[in-house]
């Protein structure tokens, strides 16, 4: 059985990896305004899912869930804004 600290570290590692994976796509969308191949419906639905995960994290008080989803939501919204502007 893992200790609570080990469990939180696994969650934090997962949070860092799944959050930072969106950084290259977000930076590319902002720099190149190349969003034609991105689906607004998909990114909007994904953003709603991230928002719900954020709310869940707040309700259970899990900082890895809260921080990861707050950052992921910001990155996702940046892509959605680029899609709406340059779509």
C-alpha atoms as a PDB file:
ATOM      1  CA  UNK A   1       0.000   0.000   0.000  1.00  0.00           C
ATOM      2  CA  UNK A   2       1.271   3.470  -0.845  1.00  0.00           C
ATOM      3  CA  UNK A   3       1.557   6.229   1.698  1.00  0.00           C
ATOM      4  CA  UNK A   4      -0.609   9.349   1.268  1.00  0.00           C
ATOM      5  CA  UNK A   5       2.505  11.286   0.217  1.00  0.00           C
ATOM      6  CA  UNK A   6       3.405   8.707  -2.433  1.00  0.00           C
ATOM      7  CA  UNK A   7      -0.175   8.781  -3.700  1.00  0.00           C
ATOM      8  CA  UNK A   8      -0.102  12.593  -3.958  1.00  0.00           C
ATOM      9  CA  UNK A   9       3.254  12.456  -5.760  1.00  0.00           C
ATOM     10  CA  UNK A  10       1.820  10.077  -8.353  1.00  0.00           C
ATOM     11  CA  UNK A  11      -1.140  12.432  -8.795  1.00  0.00           C
ATOM     12  CA  UNK A  12       1.165  15.427  -9.066  1.00  0.00           C
ATOM     13  CA  UNK A  13       3.320  13.673 -11.674  1.00  0.00           C
ATOM     14  CA  UNK A  14       0.264  12.762 -13.723  1.00  0.00           C
ATOM     15  CA  UNK A  15      -1.028  16.315 -13.395  1.00  0.00           C
ATOM     16  CA  UNK A  16       2.232  17.850 -14.619  1.00  0.00           C
ATOM     17  CA  UNK A  17       2.482  15.544 -17.625  1.00  0.00           C
ATOM     18  CA  UNK A  18      -1.139  15.819 -18.757  1.00  0.00           C
ATOM     19  CA  UNK A  19      -1.166  19.577 -18.255  1.00  0.00           C
ATOM     20  CA  UNK A  20       2.100  20.380 -19.992  1.00  0.00           C
ATOM     21  CA  UNK A  21       1.201  18.253 -23.012  1.00  0.00           C
ATOM     22  CA  UNK A  22      -1.131  21.093 -24.074  1.00  0.00           C
ATOM     23  CA  UNK A  23       1.562  23.759 -23.950  1.00  0.00           C
ATOM     24  CA  UNK A  24       3.090  23.070 -27.413  1.00  0.00           C
ATOM     25  CA  UNK A  25      -0.340  23.049 -29.101  1.00  0.00           C
ATOM     26  CA  UNK A  26      -1.342  26.269 -27.351  1.00  0.00           C
ATOM     27  CA  UNK A  27       1.897  28.053 -28.237  1.00  0.00           C
ATOM     28  CA  UNK A  28       1.620  26.905 -31.862  1.00  0.00           C
ATOM     29  CA  UNK A  29      -1.973  28.122 -32.095  1.00  0.00           C
ATOM     30  CA  UNK A  30      -1.007  31.529 -30.714  1.00  0.00           C
ATOM     31  CA  UNK A  31       2.208  31.965 -32.729  1.00  0.00           C
ATOM     32  CA  UNK A  32       1.031  30.696 -36.097  1.00  0.00           C
ATOM     33  CA  UNK A  33      -2.711  31.285 -35.839  1.00  0.00           C
ATOM     34  CA  UNK A  34      -2.963  27.893 -37.517  1.00  0.00           C
ATOM     35  CA  UNK A  35      -6.128  26.446 -36.026  1.00  0.00           C
ATOM     36  CA  UNK A  36      -8.017  25.406 -39.147  1.00  0.00           C
ATOM     37  CA  UNK A  37      -7.576  21.708 -38.428  1.00  0.00           C
ATOM     38  CA  UNK A  38      -8.660  21.994 -34.782  1.00  0.00           C
ATOM     39  CA  UNK A  39     -12.257  21.205 -33.886  1.00  0.00           C
ATOM     40  CA  UNK A  40     -14.042  23.934 -31.936  1.00  0.00           C
ATOM     41  CA  UNK A  41     -16.639  21.421 -30.738  1.00  0.00           C
ATOM     42  CA  UNK A  42     -13.955  19.047 -29.446  1.00  0.00           C
ATOM     43  CA  UNK A  43     -11.960  21.737 -27.655  1.00  0.00           C
ATOM     44  CA  UNK A  44     -15.139  23.256 -26.201  1.00  0.00           C
ATOM     45  CA  UNK A  45     -16.360  19.896 -24.906  1.00  0.00           C
ATOM     46  CA  UNK A  46     -12.906  19.135 -23.542  1.00  0.00           C
ATOM     47  CA  UNK A  47     -12.853  22.540 -21.840  1.00  0.00           C
ATOM     48  CA  UNK A  48     -16.172  21.780 -20.163  1.00  0.00           C
ATOM     49  CA  UNK A  49     -14.759  18.470 -18.969  1.00  0.00           C
ATOM     50  CA  UNK A  50     -11.693  20.233 -17.567  1.00  0.00           C
ATOM     51  CA  UNK A  51     -13.959  22.723 -15.786  1.00  0.00           C
ATOM     52  CA  UNK A  52     -15.871  19.860 -14.181  1.00  0.00           C
ATOM     53  CA  UNK A  53     -12.596  18.218 -13.078  1.00  0.00           C
ATOM     54  CA  UNK A  54     -11.572  21.570 -11.582  1.00  0.00           C
ATOM     55  CA  UNK A  55     -14.828  21.796  -9.640  1.00  0.00           C
ATOM     56  CA  UNK A  56     -14.371  18.200  -8.497  1.00  0.00           C
ATOM     57  CA  UNK A  57     -10.830  18.997  -7.329  1.00  0.00           C
ATOM     58  CA  UNK A  58     -12.116  21.978  -5.371  1.00  0.00           C
ATOM     59  CA  UNK A  59     -14.842  19.862  -3.764  1.00  0.00           C
ATOM     60  CA  UNK A  60     -12.429  17.151  -2.627  1.00  0.00           C
ATOM     61  CA  UNK A  61      -9.601  19.583  -1.836  1.00  0.00           C
ATOM     62  CA  UNK A  62      -7.002  17.881  -4.040  1.00  0.00           C
ATOM     63  CA  UNK A  63      -4.298  20.390  -4.999  1.00  0.00           C
ATOM     64  CA  UNK A  64      -2.850  18.297  -7.850  1.00  0.00           C
ATOM     65  CA  UNK A  65      -6.326  18.063  -9.421  1.00  0.00           C
ATOM     66  CA  UNK A  66      -7.053  21.761  -8.823  1.00  0.00           C
ATOM     67  CA  UNK A  67      -3.768  23.130 -10.170  1.00  0.00           C
ATOM     68  CA  UNK A  68      -3.546  20.780 -13.142  1.00  0.00           C
ATOM     69  CA  UNK A  69      -7.070  21.508 -14.277  1.00  0.00           C
ATOM     70  CA  UNK A  70      -6.813  25.254 -13.704  1.00  0.00           C
ATOM     71  CA  UNK A  71      -3.718  25.392 -15.928  1.00  0.00           C
ATOM     72  CA  UNK A  72      -5.215  22.969 -18.475  1.00  0.00           C
ATOM     73  CA  UNK A  73      -8.379  25.061 -18.633  1.00  0.00           C
ATOM     74  CA  UNK A  74      -6.365  28.228 -19.282  1.00  0.00           C
ATOM     75  CA  UNK A  75      -4.410  26.518 -22.087  1.00  0.00           C
ATOM     76  CA  UNK A  76      -7.584  25.042 -23.574  1.00  0.00           C
ATOM     77  CA  UNK A  77      -9.357  28.408 -23.471  1.00  0.00           C
ATOM     78  CA  UNK A  78      -6.406  30.044 -25.231  1.00  0.00           C
ATOM     79  CA  UNK A  79      -6.815  27.532 -28.069  1.00  0.00           C
ATOM     80  CA  UNK A  80     -10.601  28.071 -28.187  1.00  0.00           C
ATOM     81  CA  UNK A  81     -10.088  31.851 -28.373  1.00  0.00           C
ATOM     82  CA  UNK A  82      -7.605  31.410 -31.232  1.00  0.00           C
ATOM     83  CA  UNK A  83     -10.051  29.099 -33.007  1.00  0.00           C
ATOM     84  CA  UNK A  84     -12.859  31.639 -32.686  1.00  0.00           C
ATOM     85  CA  UNK A  85     -10.637  34.522 -33.856  1.00  0.00           C
ATOM     86  CA  UNK A  86      -8.749  32.768 -36.648  1.00  0.00           C
ATOM     87  CA  UNK A  87     -10.791  29.615 -37.184  1.00  0.00           C
END
